[in-house]
Structure formats: structure tokens, C-alpha cells
Amino acid sequence: MIKRYSIFADYHQFYLWDHGASPDAPTGYTEEDTVRRIKTGPFVVVVQPERNMDVPVDFEITDAPPDLDLDAWDHVAEASLDLPSGRLEIHECTGGSVDVLAVSAGTYRVRTYHGGLGTLSEDGLDGDDHYRIVLWPAPVADLAVLKQYVDPRTVS
């Protein structure tokens, strides 16, 4: 089942974390972290949308990895997330909790899909960017960018 959210991505980020651990979100960012559009810390994955406004996010929990349709998306990345409490919290950066979802306790893979990244206005406030997140049980693996977005406006 796909759940749809409008998430305020203040500072271009929102979090997926273990509700029981209530972790601190990572604060030190490198240029590489920003380009990847995803960052991890203990019990947390930071998703980094293009806009720091309300963004549409489709969220799905599955039993296995979804088909990898790279052509339909501008950027795709994956990271591991440990959820020992069995409660996944979607949390805004400066807002609060968006939702808490019950899952089986364990380790998961989080795949983030970013679309419409080239549709943003010059001031970055408006656009048709949209996001999809899929979570499934999986062993711990390194963070991976499966498709890297390069903004054509920044290429010289």
C-alpha cells in the first residue's frame, strides 16, 4: 500500500528514523552528502529534497526490493536503516512527526526516488518535484547512488 504525504522539507531535508531510538539527525554535511541527496546516521536516514518547502512524497513498505526503473526518475539512492523498535517515524526537520508506521523490528533498505528536479523556479520555491520512498527488509549495505542527477543549469 502506498501512503501519500506532504512533508515540509525545511533545510532541504526530512528524516526516517526508529521511533524508539529517537536519534539525533546528522548535522555535519559534506558536498558529497548534498550531491547524494541522502545521508545516514545511527537509526536515521536523511532524505534531501530539492526544495525546502512542502514536497509530495509517496511512501511504500514492501517485502522485497522494488523493480528498478531508473528512466522514470532523475535521482535514485539507497541506504540502510536499523529499526529495532519496529516503529518507523517520518519526521520533518523543524516540524514534528508526520507519521509512525509499525514494521517488523530489524534492518531495512530505504530507496529514495527524486523526480521533476529540473522543474524548479529560479528562486527554488515552486516546482513539480516529487519523491517516492520504498522500504524493505534487507541486510546492512553501504549507501549507494543508483542514478545521479546533474542539474543542467549548473553544467558549463
Protein backbone atom coordinates (compact mmCIF):
# COMPACT_ATOMS: atom_id res chain seq x y z
CA MET A 1 0.00 0.00 0.00
CA ILE A 2 1.29 3.44 -0.92
CA LYS A 3 0.79 6.26 1.57
CA ARG A 4 0.94 9.86 0.35
CA TYR A 5 2.29 12.73 2.36
CA SER A 6 3.01 16.41 2.03
CA ILE A 7 6.20 16.88 4.04
CA PHE A 8 7.77 20.23 4.93
CA ALA A 9 11.39 19.78 3.87
CA ASP A 10 12.88 22.69 5.79
CA TYR A 11 16.63 22.95 5.19
CA HIS A 12 16.06 20.56 2.25
CA GLN A 13 15.62 17.54 4.49
CA PHE A 14 13.32 15.23 6.38
CA TYR A 15 14.01 12.08 8.34
CA LEU A 16 13.13 8.42 8.54
CA TRP A 17 14.13 7.07 11.93
CA ASP A 18 13.49 4.50 14.60
CA HIS A 19 10.76 5.94 16.83
CA GLY A 20 12.07 4.10 19.89
CA ALA A 21 15.63 5.37 19.46
CA SER A 22 14.59 8.99 18.73
CA PRO A 23 18.05 9.61 17.26
CA ASP A 24 19.73 12.91 16.63
CA ALA A 25 19.84 13.73 12.95
CA PRO A 26 23.33 14.12 11.48
CA THR A 27 24.46 17.75 11.39
CA GLY A 28 27.82 17.65 9.59
CA TYR A 29 27.33 17.72 5.82
CA THR A 30 29.88 17.45 3.06
CA GLU A 31 29.42 18.44 -0.56
CA GLU A 32 29.25 14.72 -1.34
CA ASP A 33 26.34 14.29 1.11
CA THR A 34 24.46 17.10 -0.64
CA VAL A 35 25.07 15.66 -4.10
CA ARG A 36 23.95 12.18 -2.98
CA ARG A 37 20.67 13.64 -1.63
CA ILE A 38 20.71 11.06 1.17
CA LYS A 39 22.67 10.74 4.42
CA THR A 40 22.68 8.22 7.24
CA GLY A 41 23.40 8.10 10.93
CA PRO A 42 22.62 5.60 13.68
CA PHE A 43 18.91 4.70 13.38
CA VAL A 44 18.22 7.51 10.86
CA VAL A 45 18.16 8.19 7.12
CA VAL A 46 18.03 11.81 5.96
CA VAL A 47 16.18 12.39 2.68
CA GLN A 48 17.20 15.61 0.91
CA PRO A 49 14.56 17.01 -1.47
CA GLU A 50 15.34 19.74 -3.99
CA ARG A 51 13.04 22.32 -2.37
CA ASN A 52 12.85 23.43 1.23
CA MET A 53 9.08 23.70 1.00
CA ASP A 54 6.20 21.22 1.31
CA VAL A 55 7.01 18.36 -1.07
CA PRO A 56 4.84 15.44 -2.18
CA VAL A 57 6.14 12.06 -1.02
CA ASP A 58 4.75 8.60 -1.83
CA PHE A 59 5.84 6.01 0.73
CA GLU A 60 5.65 2.24 0.45
CA ILE A 61 6.80 -0.70 2.57
CA THR A 62 7.36 -3.94 0.64
CA ASP A 63 8.68 -7.42 1.35
CA ALA A 64 11.35 -7.28 -1.37
CA PRO A 65 13.24 -4.72 -3.44
CA PRO A 66 11.01 -2.97 -5.99
CA ASP A 67 11.76 -3.05 -9.69
CA LEU A 68 14.46 -0.54 -10.51
CA ASP A 69 13.00 1.89 -13.06
CA LEU A 70 15.79 4.44 -13.41
CA ASP A 71 14.37 6.03 -16.57
CA ALA A 72 11.32 7.37 -14.72
CA TRP A 73 13.37 9.27 -12.11
CA ASP A 74 16.05 11.98 -12.01
CA HIS A 75 17.92 10.64 -8.99
CA VAL A 76 17.79 7.34 -7.09
CA ALA A 77 19.73 6.42 -3.93
CA GLU A 78 19.68 3.74 -1.22
CA ALA A 79 20.76 3.41 2.38
CA SER A 80 20.28 1.00 5.26
CA LEU A 81 18.14 1.78 8.30
CA ASP A 82 18.06 -0.15 11.58
CA LEU A 83 14.59 -0.16 13.18
CA PRO A 84 14.99 -2.15 16.42
CA SER A 85 11.74 -0.81 17.93
CA GLY A 86 9.62 -1.88 14.95
CA ARG A 87 8.29 1.67 14.62
CA LEU A 88 9.38 3.82 11.70
CA GLU A 89 8.87 7.53 12.20
CA ILE A 90 8.70 10.03 9.34
CA HIS A 91 9.81 13.33 10.85
CA GLU A 92 10.19 16.86 9.49
CA CYS A 93 13.44 18.73 10.11
CA THR A 94 11.98 21.68 12.04
CA GLY A 95 8.39 20.47 12.22
CA GLY A 96 7.46 17.35 14.03
CA SER A 97 6.37 13.82 13.47
CA VAL A 98 4.46 13.21 10.24
CA ASP A 99 3.60 9.56 10.90
CA VAL A 100 4.72 6.49 12.85
CA LEU A 101 4.37 3.19 10.99
CA ALA A 102 4.53 -0.29 12.51
CA VAL A 103 7.07 -2.62 10.88
CA SER A 104 8.83 -5.80 11.95
CA ALA A 105 11.87 -4.95 14.05
CA GLY A 106 15.04 -5.30 12.01
CA THR A 107 17.22 -3.78 9.33
CA TYR A 108 15.76 -2.27 6.17
CA ARG A 109 16.88 -0.83 2.88
CA VAL A 110 15.50 2.60 2.02
CA ARG A 111 15.36 3.60 -1.66
CA THR A 112 14.65 7.24 -2.43
CA TYR A 113 13.43 8.34 -5.84
CA HIS A 114 13.57 12.02 -6.83
CA GLY A 115 11.62 13.26 -9.87
CA GLY A 116 10.89 16.59 -11.54
CA LEU A 117 14.10 18.13 -10.23
CA GLY A 118 14.53 20.28 -13.34
CA THR A 119 11.12 21.93 -12.90
CA LEU A 120 12.02 24.30 -10.08
CA SER A 121 11.57 28.04 -10.46
CA GLU A 122 14.63 30.29 -10.38
CA ASP A 123 14.04 31.07 -6.69
CA GLY A 124 13.66 27.34 -5.92
CA LEU A 125 10.29 27.79 -4.21
CA ASP A 126 7.96 26.37 -6.86
CA GLY A 127 8.18 23.25 -8.97
CA ASP A 128 6.78 19.86 -9.81
CA ASP A 129 9.42 17.88 -7.96
CA HIS A 130 8.09 14.71 -6.35
CA TYR A 131 9.52 11.87 -4.30
CA ARG A 132 8.98 8.19 -3.67
CA ILE A 133 10.41 6.17 -0.82
CA VAL A 134 10.35 2.38 -0.68
CA LEU A 135 11.42 0.41 2.38
CA TRP A 136 12.02 -3.37 2.57
CA PRO A 137 13.80 -5.79 4.92
CA ALA A 138 17.45 -6.24 3.92
CA PRO A 139 20.88 -6.74 5.47
CA VAL A 140 23.07 -3.71 6.10
CA ALA A 141 24.76 -2.41 2.93
CA ASP A 142 26.70 0.70 2.01
CA LEU A 143 24.92 3.85 0.90
CA ALA A 144 24.60 3.77 -2.88
CA VAL A 145 23.59 6.27 -5.55
CA LEU A 146 21.95 4.27 -8.33
CA LYS A 147 21.32 7.29 -10.57
CA GLN A 148 22.95 10.67 -10.05
CA TYR A 149 21.11 13.86 -11.01
CA VAL A 150 23.15 16.66 -12.52
CA ASP A 151 21.33 20.00 -12.76
CA PRO A 152 21.75 21.15 -16.38
CA ARG A 153 21.70 24.77 -15.18
CA THR A 154 24.96 24.21 -13.30
CA VAL A 155 26.84 22.44 -16.10
CA SER A 156 29.12 24.79 -18.02
